[in-house]
Amino acid sequence: MRLTLMKYHIWLGWLAGVPILLWIISGLFMVAQPIETVRGTHLRAEEPVVATPENPPVFPQIDSNIRAVQSVELAQRPGGAQWIIRYADGGGRRASIETGAYLAPRITSEEAVRIAEAAYAGDEPLAQMQRFEADANPMDLRRGRPAWQARFGDTHHVYVDAETGDVLAIRTRLWRAFDFMWGLHIMDLGEREDTSHPILIGSAVLALLMALFGAIILPWRYVRKRRKNGE
């Protein structure tokens, strides 16, 4: 019985050794840096306070029967304050505070540049602007939102929502490395979101069996050693 368990323990060690090594390496990498540094918090400028208009803002006309509204709020943009209407389906629109009229459904490249530059507190120059549709997000966004990507230097990406002008995320090389390690950790390098799939569960079961067999074998080895020493 002991020899059989030892044989299984060794084979399980070979099978479970690779995922265990990946878990240790990826986990160590992910805890090596504060999560605020990974998220690029140090590269995000403080959000501007909404400037008080001279005249009372005109509230936009909203027909909630057409599209369910989640919230309406004032937000400061480089060109001035705007109404931001957020819908329950995740979408959004902007409206003028002077007239209450809806603004264009999508912000322009020039508007996105001003928003990104105001939000970015780093030293790299703006190198490129590119728009992505909601169903074609880059790997380092994955928000399911239409967005402008402002690339500063070679590695810093500032994502601006193409409907509301919100700054969705600031991504760095460190964030992308962290994201890759997270994918290794959960063994999902495709979407990097599935934490319950057969490969991960199976690897965890193998690791558990290896540990259990080792725990069973260890007392036997200890008893056998004592007998050999005549204790």
Foldseek 3Di string as FASTA:
>chain_A
DLVVLVVLLVVLCVVLVVLVVLQVVLVCLLPVDPVCVQQVVVFFDDFDDADDDPDAFDAADDDCVVFNWDDWDWGAAPVHIWIWTATPVGAIWIAGRHPNHTDDQFDDPVSLVRLQVNTTRDDFAFDDKDWDALVGDDLLQNPSATWIWTDGDDFWTFIAGGGGRDGRGIHGPSNVVSLCSCCSNCVHNDNSPDNDDDVNVVSVVSVVSSVVSVVVSVVVVVVVVCVVVVD
